[in-house]
mmCIF file of all heavy atoms, coordinates in Angstrom:
data_MODEL
# 
_entry.id   MODEL 
# 
loop_
_atom_site.group_PDB 
_atom_site.id 
_atom_site.type_symbol 
_atom_site.label_atom_id 
_atom_site.label_alt_id 
_atom_site.label_comp_id 
_atom_site.label_asym_id 
_atom_site.label_entity_id 
_atom_site.label_seq_id 
_atom_site.pdbx_PDB_ins_code 
_atom_site.Cartn_x 
_atom_site.Cartn_y 
_atom_site.Cartn_z 
_atom_site.occupancy 
_atom_site.B_iso_or_equiv 
_atom_site.pdbx_formal_charge 
_atom_site.auth_seq_id 
_atom_site.auth_comp_id 
_atom_site.auth_asym_id 
_atom_site.auth_atom_id 
_atom_site.pdbx_PDB_model_num 
ATOM 1   N N   . VAL A 1 1  ? 134.049 108.062 144.114 1.00 0.00 ? 1  VAL A N   1 
ATOM 2   C CA  . VAL A 1 1  ? 134.346 106.917 144.951 1.00 0.00 ? 1  VAL A CA  1 
ATOM 3   C C   . VAL A 1 1  ? 134.734 107.416 146.348 1.00 0.00 ? 1  VAL A C   1 
ATOM 4   O O   . VAL A 1 1  ? 135.746 108.067 146.521 1.00 0.00 ? 1  VAL A O   1 
ATOM 5   C CB  . VAL A 1 1  ? 135.474 106.083 144.340 1.00 0.00 ? 1  VAL A CB  1 
ATOM 6   C CG1 . VAL A 1 1  ? 135.784 104.891 145.226 1.00 0.00 ? 1  VAL A CG1 1 
ATOM 7   C CG2 . VAL A 1 1  ? 135.115 105.645 142.935 1.00 0.00 ? 1  VAL A CG2 1 
ATOM 8   N N   . TRP A 1 2  ? 133.854 107.113 147.308 1.00 0.00 ? 2  TRP A N   1 
ATOM 9   C CA  . TRP A 1 2  ? 134.166 107.492 148.660 1.00 0.00 ? 2  TRP A CA  1 
ATOM 10  C C   . TRP A 1 2  ? 135.285 106.614 149.175 1.00 0.00 ? 2  TRP A C   1 
ATOM 11  O O   . TRP A 1 2  ? 135.457 105.495 148.763 1.00 0.00 ? 2  TRP A O   1 
ATOM 12  C CB  . TRP A 1 2  ? 132.930 107.392 149.561 1.00 0.00 ? 2  TRP A CB  1 
ATOM 13  C CG  . TRP A 1 2  ? 132.679 106.010 150.058 1.00 0.00 ? 2  TRP A CG  1 
ATOM 14  C CD1 . TRP A 1 2  ? 132.957 105.512 151.290 1.00 0.00 ? 2  TRP A CD1 1 
ATOM 15  C CD2 . TRP A 1 2  ? 132.092 104.917 149.327 1.00 0.00 ? 2  TRP A CD2 1 
ATOM 16  N NE1 . TRP A 1 2  ? 132.586 104.204 151.396 1.00 0.00 ? 2  TRP A NE1 1 
ATOM 17  C CE2 . TRP A 1 2  ? 132.054 103.812 150.228 1.00 0.00 ? 2  TRP A CE2 1 
ATOM 18  C CE3 . TRP A 1 2  ? 131.607 104.773 148.035 1.00 0.00 ? 2  TRP A CE3 1 
ATOM 19  C CZ2 . TRP A 1 2  ? 131.550 102.581 149.822 1.00 0.00 ? 2  TRP A CZ2 1 
ATOM 20  C CZ3 . TRP A 1 2  ? 131.105 103.547 147.645 1.00 0.00 ? 2  TRP A CZ3 1 
ATOM 21  C CH2 . TRP A 1 2  ? 131.069 102.488 148.518 1.00 0.00 ? 2  TRP A CH2 1 
ATOM 22  N N   . ASN A 1 3  ? 136.030 107.153 150.073 1.00 0.00 ? 3  ASN A N   1 
ATOM 23  C CA  . ASN A 1 3  ? 137.119 106.386 150.663 1.00 0.00 ? 3  ASN A CA  1 
ATOM 24  C C   . ASN A 1 3  ? 138.049 105.799 149.599 1.00 0.00 ? 3  ASN A C   1 
ATOM 25  O O   . ASN A 1 3  ? 138.511 104.673 149.689 1.00 0.00 ? 3  ASN A O   1 
ATOM 26  C CB  . ASN A 1 3  ? 136.590 105.268 151.558 1.00 0.00 ? 3  ASN A CB  1 
ATOM 27  C CG  . ASN A 1 3  ? 137.662 104.706 152.476 1.00 0.00 ? 3  ASN A CG  1 
ATOM 28  O OD1 . ASN A 1 3  ? 138.611 105.386 152.856 1.00 0.00 ? 3  ASN A OD1 1 
ATOM 29  N ND2 . ASN A 1 3  ? 137.539 103.429 152.811 1.00 0.00 ? 3  ASN A ND2 1 
ATOM 30  N N   . SER A 1 4  ? 138.266 106.590 148.530 1.00 0.00 ? 4  SER A N   1 
ATOM 31  C CA  . SER A 1 4  ? 139.119 106.097 147.441 1.00 0.00 ? 4  SER A CA  1 
ATOM 32  C C   . SER A 1 4  ? 140.529 105.854 147.948 1.00 0.00 ? 4  SER A C   1 
ATOM 33  O O   . SER A 1 4  ? 141.027 106.545 148.826 1.00 0.00 ? 4  SER A O   1 
ATOM 34  C CB  . SER A 1 4  ? 139.136 107.101 146.292 1.00 0.00 ? 4  SER A CB  1 
ATOM 35  O OG  . SER A 1 4  ? 139.634 108.355 146.718 1.00 0.00 ? 4  SER A OG  1 
ATOM 36  N N   . LYS A 1 5  ? 141.156 104.860 147.382 1.00 0.00 ? 5  LYS A N   1 
ATOM 37  C CA  . LYS A 1 5  ? 142.479 104.430 147.826 1.00 0.00 ? 5  LYS A CA  1 
ATOM 38  C C   . LYS A 1 5  ? 143.552 104.985 146.909 1.00 0.00 ? 5  LYS A C   1 
ATOM 39  O O   . LYS A 1 5  ? 143.341 105.213 145.731 1.00 0.00 ? 5  LYS A O   1 
ATOM 40  C CB  . LYS A 1 5  ? 142.533 102.913 147.878 1.00 0.00 ? 5  LYS A CB  1 
ATOM 41  C CG  . LYS A 1 5  ? 141.561 102.306 148.891 1.00 0.00 ? 5  LYS A CG  1 
ATOM 42  C CD  . LYS A 1 5  ? 141.557 100.801 148.855 1.00 0.00 ? 5  LYS A CD  1 
ATOM 43  C CE  . LYS A 1 5  ? 140.652 100.227 149.940 1.00 0.00 ? 5  LYS A CE  1 
ATOM 44  N NZ  . LYS A 1 5  ? 139.265 100.698 149.861 1.00 0.00 ? 5  LYS A NZ  1 
ATOM 45  N N   . ARG A 1 6  ? 144.726 105.192 147.488 1.00 0.00 ? 6  ARG A N   1 
ATOM 46  C CA  . ARG A 1 6  ? 145.844 105.703 146.732 1.00 0.00 ? 6  ARG A CA  1 
ATOM 47  C C   . ARG A 1 6  ? 147.084 104.891 147.066 1.00 0.00 ? 6  ARG A C   1 
ATOM 48  O O   . ARG A 1 6  ? 147.362 104.577 148.219 1.00 0.00 ? 6  ARG A O   1 
ATOM 49  C CB  . ARG A 1 6  ? 146.089 107.187 147.033 1.00 0.00 ? 6  ARG A CB  1 
ATOM 50  C CG  . ARG A 1 6  ? 147.302 107.768 146.277 1.00 0.00 ? 6  ARG A CG  1 
ATOM 51  C CD  . ARG A 1 6  ? 147.374 109.271 146.406 1.00 0.00 ? 6  ARG A CD  1 
ATOM 52  N NE  . ARG A 1 6  ? 147.487 109.685 147.805 1.00 0.00 ? 6  ARG A NE  1 
ATOM 53  C CZ  . ARG A 1 6  ? 147.764 110.934 148.166 1.00 0.00 ? 6  ARG A CZ  1 
ATOM 54  N NH1 . ARG A 1 6  ? 147.932 111.860 147.235 1.00 0.00 ? 6  ARG A NH1 1 
ATOM 55  N NH2 . ARG A 1 6  ? 147.854 111.229 149.444 1.00 0.00 ? 6  ARG A NH2 1 
ATOM 56  N N   . ILE A 1 7  ? 147.821 104.532 146.015 1.00 0.00 ? 7  ILE A N   1 
ATOM 57  C CA  . ILE A 1 7  ? 149.078 103.812 146.161 1.00 0.00 ? 7  ILE A CA  1 
ATOM 58  C C   . ILE A 1 7  ? 150.214 104.741 145.771 1.00 0.00 ? 7  ILE A C   1 
ATOM 59  O O   . ILE A 1 7  ? 150.179 105.378 144.729 1.00 0.00 ? 7  ILE A O   1 
ATOM 60  C CB  . ILE A 1 7  ? 149.096 102.538 145.294 1.00 0.00 ? 7  ILE A CB  1 
ATOM 61  C CG1 . ILE A 1 7  ? 148.022 101.557 145.770 1.00 0.00 ? 7  ILE A CG1 1 
ATOM 62  C CG2 . ILE A 1 7  ? 150.474 101.884 145.322 1.00 0.00 ? 7  ILE A CG2 1 
ATOM 63  C CD1 . ILE A 1 7  ? 147.905 100.334 144.884 1.00 0.00 ? 7  ILE A CD1 1 
ATOM 64  N N   . ILE A 1 8  ? 151.229 104.802 146.613 1.00 0.00 ? 8  ILE A N   1 
ATOM 65  C CA  . ILE A 1 8  ? 152.401 105.635 146.361 1.00 0.00 ? 8  ILE A CA  1 
ATOM 66  C C   . ILE A 1 8  ? 153.610 104.715 146.136 1.00 0.00 ? 8  ILE A C   1 
ATOM 67  O O   . ILE A 1 8  ? 153.848 103.797 146.926 1.00 0.00 ? 8  ILE A O   1 
ATOM 68  C CB  . ILE A 1 8  ? 152.671 106.595 147.533 1.00 0.00 ? 8  ILE A CB  1 
ATOM 69  C CG1 . ILE A 1 8  ? 151.446 107.483 147.763 1.00 0.00 ? 8  ILE A CG1 1 
ATOM 70  C CG2 . ILE A 1 8  ? 153.907 107.459 147.268 1.00 0.00 ? 8  ILE A CG2 1 
ATOM 71  C CD1 . ILE A 1 8  ? 151.515 108.276 149.030 1.00 0.00 ? 8  ILE A CD1 1 
ATOM 72  N N   . VAL A 1 9  ? 154.339 104.962 145.061 1.00 0.00 ? 9  VAL A N   1 
ATOM 73  C CA  . VAL A 1 9  ? 155.494 104.147 144.727 1.00 0.00 ? 9  VAL A CA  1 
ATOM 74  C C   . VAL A 1 9  ? 156.738 105.017 144.624 1.00 0.00 ? 9  VAL A C   1 
ATOM 75  O O   . VAL A 1 9  ? 156.669 106.242 144.700 1.00 0.00 ? 9  VAL A O   1 
ATOM 76  C CB  . VAL A 1 9  ? 155.265 103.379 143.401 1.00 0.00 ? 9  VAL A CB  1 
ATOM 77  C CG1 . VAL A 1 9  ? 154.105 102.387 143.550 1.00 0.00 ? 9  VAL A CG1 1 
ATOM 78  C CG2 . VAL A 1 9  ? 154.942 104.361 142.261 1.00 0.00 ? 9  VAL A CG2 1 
ATOM 79  N N   . GLU A 1 10 ? 157.892 104.366 144.407 1.00 0.00 ? 10 GLU A N   1 
ATOM 80  C CA  . GLU A 1 10 ? 159.166 105.068 144.427 1.00 0.00 ? 10 GLU A CA  1 
ATOM 81  C C   . GLU A 1 10 ? 159.493 105.801 143.140 1.00 0.00 ? 10 GLU A C   1 
ATOM 82  O O   . GLU A 1 10 ? 160.158 106.843 143.145 1.00 0.00 ? 10 GLU A O   1 
ATOM 83  C CB  . GLU A 1 10 ? 160.301 104.081 144.731 1.00 0.00 ? 10 GLU A CB  1 
ATOM 84  C CG  . GLU A 1 10 ? 160.316 103.526 146.141 1.00 0.00 ? 10 GLU A CG  1 
ATOM 85  C CD  . GLU A 1 10 ? 161.566 102.728 146.399 1.00 0.00 ? 10 GLU A CD  1 
ATOM 86  O OE1 . GLU A 1 10 ? 162.676 103.236 146.095 1.00 0.00 ? 10 GLU A OE1 1 
ATOM 87  O OE2 . GLU A 1 10 ? 161.471 101.582 146.884 1.00 0.00 ? 10 GLU A OE2 1 
ATOM 88  N N   . ASP A 1 11 ? 159.047 105.269 141.986 1.00 0.00 ? 11 ASP A N   1 
ATOM 89  C CA  . ASP A 1 11 ? 159.429 105.860 140.716 1.00 0.00 ? 11 ASP A CA  1 
ATOM 90  C C   . ASP A 1 11 ? 158.358 105.617 139.662 1.00 0.00 ? 11 ASP A C   1 
ATOM 91  O O   . ASP A 1 11 ? 157.372 104.907 139.895 1.00 0.00 ? 11 ASP A O   1 
ATOM 92  C CB  . ASP A 1 11 ? 160.786 105.316 140.236 1.00 0.00 ? 11 ASP A CB  1 
ATOM 93  C CG  . ASP A 1 11 ? 160.824 103.787 140.241 1.00 0.00 ? 11 ASP A CG  1 
ATOM 94  O OD1 . ASP A 1 11 ? 159.922 103.178 139.640 1.00 0.00 ? 11 ASP A OD1 1 
ATOM 95  O OD2 . ASP A 1 11 ? 161.753 103.211 140.828 1.00 0.00 ? 11 ASP A OD2 1 
ATOM 96  N N   . ASP A 1 12 ? 158.543 106.190 138.476 1.00 0.00 ? 12 ASP A N   1 
ATOM 97  C CA  . ASP A 1 12 ? 157.532 106.107 137.425 1.00 0.00 ? 12 ASP A CA  1 
ATOM 98  C C   . ASP A 1 12 ? 157.428 104.700 136.834 1.00 0.00 ? 12 ASP A C   1 
ATOM 99  O O   . ASP A 1 12 ? 156.366 104.301 136.338 1.00 0.00 ? 12 ASP A O   1 
ATOM 100 C CB  . ASP A 1 12 ? 157.806 107.133 136.332 1.00 0.00 ? 12 ASP A CB  1 
ATOM 101 C CG  . ASP A 1 12 ? 159.208 107.041 135.760 1.00 0.00 ? 12 ASP A CG  1 
ATOM 102 O OD1 . ASP A 1 12 ? 160.030 106.257 136.284 1.00 0.00 ? 12 ASP A OD1 1 
ATOM 103 O OD2 . ASP A 1 12 ? 159.500 107.777 134.802 1.00 0.00 ? 12 ASP A OD2 1 
ATOM 104 N N   . MET A 1 13 ? 158.532 103.918 136.852 1.00 0.00 ? 13 MET A N   1 
ATOM 105 C CA  . MET A 1 13 ? 158.458 102.551 136.344 1.00 0.00 ? 13 MET A CA  1 
ATOM 106 C C   . MET A 1 13 ? 157.538 101.700 137.230 1.00 0.00 ? 13 MET A C   1 
ATOM 107 O O   . MET A 1 13 ? 156.693 100.957 136.728 1.00 0.00 ? 13 MET A O   1 
ATOM 108 C CB  . MET A 1 13 ? 159.854 101.916 136.297 1.00 0.00 ? 13 MET A CB  1 
ATOM 109 C CG  . MET A 1 13 ? 159.853 100.429 135.857 1.00 0.00 ? 13 MET A CG  1 
ATOM 110 S SD  . MET A 1 13 ? 159.247 100.168 134.165 1.00 0.00 ? 13 MET A SD  1 
ATOM 111 C CE  . MET A 1 13 ? 160.692 100.688 133.244 1.00 0.00 ? 13 MET A CE  1 
ATOM 112 N N   . ALA A 1 14 ? 157.709 101.809 138.551 1.00 0.00 ? 14 ALA A N   1 
ATOM 113 C CA  . ALA A 1 14 ? 156.833 101.095 139.469 1.00 0.00 ? 14 ALA A CA  1 
ATOM 114 C C   . ALA A 1 14 ? 155.383 101.559 139.308 1.00 0.00 ? 14 ALA A C   1 
ATOM 115 O O   . ALA A 1 14 ? 154.445 100.766 139.384 1.00 0.00 ? 14 ALA A O   1 
ATOM 116 C CB  . ALA A 1 14 ? 157.297 101.310 140.904 1.00 0.00 ? 14 ALA A CB  1 
ATOM 117 N N   . GLN A 1 15 ? 155.193 102.853 139.041 1.00 0.00 ? 15 GLN A N   1 
ATOM 118 C CA  . GLN A 1 15 ? 153.857 103.394 138.817 1.00 0.00 ? 15 GLN A CA  1 
ATOM 119 C C   . GLN A 1 15 ? 153.192 102.718 137.615 1.00 0.00 ? 15 GLN A C   1 
ATOM 120 O O   . GLN A 1 15 ? 152.028 102.328 137.668 1.00 0.00 ? 15 GLN A O   1 
ATOM 121 C CB  . GLN A 1 15 ? 153.932 104.908 138.615 1.00 0.00 ? 15 GLN A CB  1 
ATOM 122 C CG  . GLN A 1 15 ? 152.565 105.579 138.434 1.00 0.00 ? 15 GLN A CG  1 
ATOM 123 C CD  . GLN A 1 15 ? 152.701 107.075 138.112 1.00 0.00 ? 15 GLN A CD  1 
ATOM 124 O OE1 . GLN A 1 15 ? 153.647 107.477 137.434 1.00 0.00 ? 15 GLN A OE1 1 
ATOM 125 N NE2 . GLN A 1 15 ? 151.776 107.873 138.603 1.00 0.00 ? 15 GLN A NE2 1 
ATOM 126 N N   . SER A 1 16 ? 153.949 102.578 136.523 1.00 0.00 ? 16 SER A N   1 
ATOM 127 C CA  . SER A 1 16 ? 153.405 101.962 135.316 1.00 0.00 ? 16 SER A CA  1 
ATOM 128 C C   . SER A 1 16 ? 153.023 100.504 135.556 1.00 0.00 ? 16 SER A C   1 
ATOM 129 O O   . SER A 1 16 ? 151.992 100.027 135.100 1.00 0.00 ? 16 SER A O   1 
ATOM 130 C CB  . SER A 1 16 ? 154.422 102.058 134.180 1.00 0.00 ? 16 SER A CB  1 
ATOM 131 O OG  . SER A 1 16 ? 154.716 103.411 133.869 1.00 0.00 ? 16 SER A OG  1 
ATOM 132 N N   . ILE A 1 17 ? 153.869 99.783  136.312 1.00 0.00 ? 17 ILE A N   1 
ATOM 133 C CA  . ILE A 1 17 ? 153.617 98.378  136.572 1.00 0.00 ? 17 ILE A CA  1 
ATOM 134 C C   . ILE A 1 17 ? 152.369 98.190  137.421 1.00 0.00 ? 17 ILE A C   1 
ATOM 135 O O   . ILE A 1 17 ? 151.505 97.372  137.113 1.00 0.00 ? 17 ILE A O   1 
ATOM 136 C CB  . ILE A 1 17 ? 154.842 97.737  137.263 1.00 0.00 ? 17 ILE A CB  1 
ATOM 137 C CG1 . ILE A 1 17 ? 156.027 97.692  136.292 1.00 0.00 ? 17 ILE A CG1 1 
ATOM 138 C CG2 . ILE A 1 17 ? 154.504 96.337  137.776 1.00 0.00 ? 17 ILE A CG2 1 
ATOM 139 C CD1 . ILE A 1 17 ? 157.322 97.249  136.950 1.00 0.00 ? 17 ILE A CD1 1 
ATOM 140 N N   . VAL A 1 18 ? 152.250 98.977  138.494 1.00 0.00 ? 18 VAL A N   1 
ATOM 141 C CA  . VAL A 1 18 ? 151.099 98.853  139.382 1.00 0.00 ? 18 VAL A CA  1 
ATOM 142 C C   . VAL A 1 18 ? 149.817 99.253  138.657 1.00 0.00 ? 18 VAL A C   1 
ATOM 143 O O   . VAL A 1 18 ? 148.779 98.598  138.810 1.00 0.00 ? 18 VAL A O   1 
ATOM 144 C CB  . VAL A 1 18 ? 151.304 99.714  140.643 1.00 0.00 ? 18 VAL A CB  1 
ATOM 145 C CG1 . VAL A 1 18 ? 150.042 99.681  141.511 1.00 0.00 ? 18 VAL A CG1 1 
ATOM 146 C CG2 . VAL A 1 18 ? 152.498 99.205  141.440 1.00 0.00 ? 18 VAL A CG2 1 
ATOM 147 N N   . LYS A 1 19 ? 149.872 100.305 137.833 1.00 0.00 ? 19 LYS A N   1 
ATOM 148 C CA  . LYS A 1 19 ? 148.694 100.699 137.054 1.00 0.00 ? 19 LYS A CA  1 
ATOM 149 C C   . LYS A 1 19 ? 148.250 99.586  136.124 1.00 0.00 ? 19 LYS A C   1 
ATOM 150 O O   . LYS A 1 19 ? 147.058 99.332  135.942 1.00 0.00 ? 19 LYS A O   1 
ATOM 151 C CB  . LYS A 1 19 ? 149.005 101.970 136.252 1.00 0.00 ? 19 LYS A CB  1 
ATOM 152 C CG  . LYS A 1 19 ? 148.892 103.261 137.038 1.00 0.00 ? 19 LYS A CG  1 
ATOM 153 C CD  . LYS A 1 19 ? 149.020 104.456 136.123 1.00 0.00 ? 19 LYS A CD  1 
ATOM 154 C CE  . LYS A 1 19 ? 148.733 105.747 136.864 1.00 0.00 ? 19 LYS A CE  1 
ATOM 155 N NZ  . LYS A 1 19 ? 148.802 106.930 135.952 1.00 0.00 ? 19 LYS A NZ  1 
ATOM 156 N N   . ARG A 1 20 ? 149.217 98.910  135.505 1.00 0.00 ? 20 ARG A N   1 
ATOM 157 C CA  . ARG A 1 20 ? 148.884 97.817  134.585 1.00 0.00 ? 20 ARG A CA  1 
ATOM 158 C C   . ARG A 1 20 ? 148.178 96.669  135.341 1.00 0.00 ? 20 ARG A C   1 
ATOM 159 O O   . ARG A 1 20 ? 147.200 96.098  134.850 1.00 0.00 ? 20 ARG A O   1 
ATOM 160 C CB  . ARG A 1 20 ? 150.139 97.303  133.907 1.00 0.00 ? 20 ARG A CB  1 
ATOM 161 C CG  . ARG A 1 20 ? 149.895 96.123  132.955 1.00 0.00 ? 20 ARG A CG  1 
ATOM 162 C CD  . ARG A 1 20 ? 148.980 96.569  131.785 1.00 0.00 ? 20 ARG A CD  1 
ATOM 163 N NE  . ARG A 1 20 ? 148.723 95.454  130.895 1.00 0.00 ? 20 ARG A NE  1 
ATOM 164 C CZ  . ARG A 1 20 ? 149.484 95.149  129.858 1.00 0.00 ? 20 ARG A CZ  1 
ATOM 165 N NH1 . ARG A 1 20 ? 150.558 95.903  129.585 1.00 0.00 ? 20 ARG A NH1 1 
ATOM 166 N NH2 . ARG A 1 20 ? 149.189 94.125  129.069 1.00 0.00 ? 20 ARG A NH2 1 
ATOM 167 N N   . VAL A 1 21 ? 148.655 96.359  136.536 1.00 0.00 ? 21 VAL A N   1 
ATOM 168 C CA  . VAL A 1 21 ? 148.019 95.317  137.334 1.00 0.00 ? 21 VAL A CA  1 
ATOM 169 C C   . VAL A 1 21 ? 146.592 95.714  137.699 1.00 0.00 ? 21 VAL A C   1 
ATOM 170 O O   . VAL A 1 21 ? 145.658 94.896  137.615 1.00 0.00 ? 21 VAL A O   1 
ATOM 171 C CB  . VAL A 1 21 ? 148.839 95.037  138.607 1.00 0.00 ? 21 VAL A CB  1 
ATOM 172 C CG1 . VAL A 1 21 ? 148.088 94.076  139.516 1.00 0.00 ? 21 VAL A CG1 1 
ATOM 173 C CG2 . VAL A 1 21 ? 150.211 94.473  138.251 1.00 0.00 ? 21 VAL A CG2 1 
ATOM 174 N N   . LEU A 1 22 ? 146.378 96.974  138.085 1.00 0.00 ? 22 LEU A N   1 
ATOM 175 C CA  . LEU A 1 22 ? 145.053 97.445  138.426 1.00 0.00 ? 22 LEU A CA  1 
ATOM 176 C C   . LEU A 1 22 ? 144.111 97.377  137.230 1.00 0.00 ? 22 LEU A C   1 
ATOM 177 O O   . LEU A 1 22 ? 142.927 97.056  137.367 1.00 0.00 ? 22 LEU A O   1 
ATOM 178 C CB  . LEU A 1 22 ? 145.127 98.878  138.968 1.00 0.00 ? 22 LEU A CB  1 
ATOM 179 C CG  . LEU A 1 22 ? 145.837 99.060  140.306 1.00 0.00 ? 22 LEU A CG  1 
ATOM 180 C CD1 . LEU A 1 22 ? 145.961 100.553 140.637 1.00 0.00 ? 22 LEU A CD1 1 
ATOM 181 C CD2 . LEU A 1 22 ? 145.117 98.333  141.420 1.00 0.00 ? 22 LEU A CD2 1 
ATOM 182 N N   . GLU A 1 23 ? 144.623 97.694  136.053 1.00 0.00 ? 23 GLU A N   1 
ATOM 183 C CA  . GLU A 1 23 ? 143.821 97.578  134.831 1.00 0.00 ? 23 GLU A CA  1 
ATOM 184 C C   . GLU A 1 23 ? 143.406 96.135  134.579 1.00 0.00 ? 23 GLU A C   1 
ATOM 185 O O   . GLU A 1 23 ? 142.246 95.872  134.230 1.00 0.00 ? 23 GLU A O   1 
ATOM 186 C CB  . GLU A 1 23 ? 144.603 98.120  133.642 1.00 0.00 ? 23 GLU A CB  1 
ATOM 187 C CG  . GLU A 1 23 ? 144.796 99.626  133.632 1.00 0.00 ? 23 GLU A CG  1 
ATOM 188 C CD  . GLU A 1 23 ? 145.701 100.094 132.504 1.00 0.00 ? 23 GLU A CD  1 
ATOM 189 O OE1 . GLU A 1 23 ? 146.139 99.216  131.715 1.00 0.00 ? 23 GLU A OE1 1 
ATOM 190 O OE2 . GLU A 1 23 ? 145.981 101.310 132.404 1.00 0.00 ? 23 GLU A OE2 1 
ATOM 191 N N   . GLU A 1 24 ? 144.340 95.207  134.747 1.00 0.00 ? 24 GLU A N   1 
ATOM 192 C CA  . GLU A 1 24 ? 144.050 93.802  134.528 1.00 0.00 ? 24 GLU A CA  1 
ATOM 193 C C   . GLU A 1 24 ? 142.970 93.301  135.484 1.00 0.00 ? 24 GLU A C   1 
ATOM 194 O O   . GLU A 1 24 ? 142.133 92.479  135.128 1.00 0.00 ? 24 GLU A O   1 
ATOM 195 C CB  . GLU A 1 24 ? 145.317 92.961  134.675 1.00 0.00 ? 24 GLU A CB  1 
ATOM 196 C CG  . GLU A 1 24 ? 146.366 93.183  133.596 1.00 0.00 ? 24 GLU A CG  1 
ATOM 197 C CD  . GLU A 1 24 ? 145.988 92.610  132.265 1.00 0.00 ? 24 GLU A CD  1 
ATOM 198 O OE1 . GLU A 1 24 ? 145.194 91.662  132.258 1.00 0.00 ? 24 GLU A OE1 1 
ATOM 199 O OE2 . GLU A 1 24 ? 146.480 93.100  131.229 1.00 0.00 ? 24 GLU A OE2 1 
ATOM 200 N N   . GLU A 1 25 ? 143.004 93.807  136.729 1.00 0.00 ? 25 GLU A N   1 
ATOM 201 C CA  . GLU A 1 25 ? 142.033 93.389  137.753 1.00 0.00 ? 25 GLU A CA  1 
ATOM 202 C C   . GLU A 1 25 ? 140.785 94.248  137.756 1.00 0.00 ? 25 GLU A C   1 
ATOM 203 O O   . GLU A 1 25 ? 139.908 94.055  138.604 1.00 0.00 ? 25 GLU A O   1 
ATOM 204 C CB  . GLU A 1 25 ? 142.699 93.418  139.125 1.00 0.00 ? 25 GLU A CB  1 
ATOM 205 C CG  . GLU A 1 25 ? 143.872 92.473  139.291 1.00 0.00 ? 25 GLU A CG  1 
ATOM 206 C CD  . GLU A 1 25 ? 143.476 91.021  139.182 1.00 0.00 ? 25 GLU A CD  1 
ATOM 207 O OE1 . GLU A 1 25 ? 142.349 90.680  139.581 1.00 0.00 ? 25 GLU A OE1 1 
ATOM 208 O OE2 . GLU A 1 25 ? 144.309 90.213  138.688 1.00 0.00 ? 25 GLU A OE2 1 
ATOM 209 N N   . GLU A 1 26 ? 140.679 95.208  136.820 1.00 0.00 ? 26 GLU A N   1 
ATOM 210 C CA  . GLU A 1 26 ? 139.535 96.115  136.725 1.00 0.00 ? 26 GLU A CA  1 
ATOM 211 C C   . GLU A 1 26 ? 139.305 96.893  138.018 1.00 0.00 ? 26 GLU A C   1 
ATOM 212 O O   . GLU A 1 26 ? 138.183 97.108  138.471 1.00 0.00 ? 26 GLU A O   1 
ATOM 213 C CB  . GLU A 1 26 ? 138.266 95.345  136.345 1.00 0.00 ? 26 GLU A CB  1 
ATOM 214 C CG  . GLU A 1 26 ? 138.357 94.660  134.996 1.00 0.00 ? 26 GLU A CG  1 
ATOM 215 C CD  . GLU A 1 26 ? 137.082 93.955  134.603 1.00 0.00 ? 26 GLU A CD  1 
ATOM 216 O OE1 . GLU A 1 26 ? 136.187 93.826  135.464 1.00 0.00 ? 26 GLU A OE1 1 
ATOM 217 O OE2 . GLU A 1 26 ? 136.963 93.517  133.446 1.00 0.00 ? 26 GLU A OE2 1 
ATOM 218 N N   . LEU A 1 27 ? 140.392 97.331  138.643 1.00 0.00 ? 27 LEU A N   1 
ATOM 219 C CA  . LEU A 1 27 ? 140.326 98.083  139.880 1.00 0.00 ? 27 LEU A CA  1 
ATOM 220 C C   . LEU A 1 27 ? 140.794 99.523  139.721 1.00 0.00 ? 27 LEU A C   1 
ATOM 221 O O   . LEU A 1 27 ? 140.794 100.289 140.693 1.00 0.00 ? 27 LEU A O   1 
ATOM 222 C CB  . LEU A 1 27 ? 141.178 97.400  140.960 1.00 0.00 ? 27 LEU A CB  1 
ATOM 223 C CG  . LEU A 1 27 ? 140.714 96.007  141.399 1.00 0.00 ? 27 LEU A CG  1 
ATOM 224 C CD1 . LEU A 1 27 ? 141.734 95.394  142.350 1.00 0.00 ? 27 LEU A CD1 1 
ATOM 225 C CD2 . LEU A 1 27 ? 139.349 96.065  142.050 1.00 0.00 ? 27 LEU A CD2 1 
ATOM 226 N N   . GLU A 1 28 ? 141.163 99.924  138.519 1.00 0.00 ? 28 GLU A N   1 
ATOM 227 C CA  . GLU A 1 28 ? 141.731 101.242 138.307 1.00 0.00 ? 28 GLU A CA  1 
ATOM 228 C C   . GLU A 1 28 ? 140.788 102.375 138.705 1.00 0.00 ? 28 GLU A C   1 
ATOM 229 O O   . GLU A 1 28 ? 141.258 103.393 139.232 1.00 0.00 ? 28 GLU A O   1 
ATOM 230 C CB  . GLU A 1 28 ? 142.153 101.388 136.849 1.00 0.00 ? 28 GLU A CB  1 
ATOM 231 C CG  . GLU A 1 28 ? 143.047 102.602 136.619 1.00 0.00 ? 28 GLU A CG  1 
ATOM 232 C CD  . GLU A 1 28 ? 143.485 102.759 135.187 1.00 0.00 ? 28 GLU A CD  1 
ATOM 233 O OE1 . GLU A 1 28 ? 142.829 102.181 134.312 1.00 0.00 ? 28 GLU A OE1 1 
ATOM 234 O OE2 . GLU A 1 28 ? 144.487 103.447 134.936 1.00 0.00 ? 28 GLU A OE2 1 
# 
């Protein structure tokens, strides 16, 4: 994936939540 995007969060809990949202939206 060219120009792939990266999200940086404060902690592992926020990481898990954001990953779950991306999975639901099929954007992972």
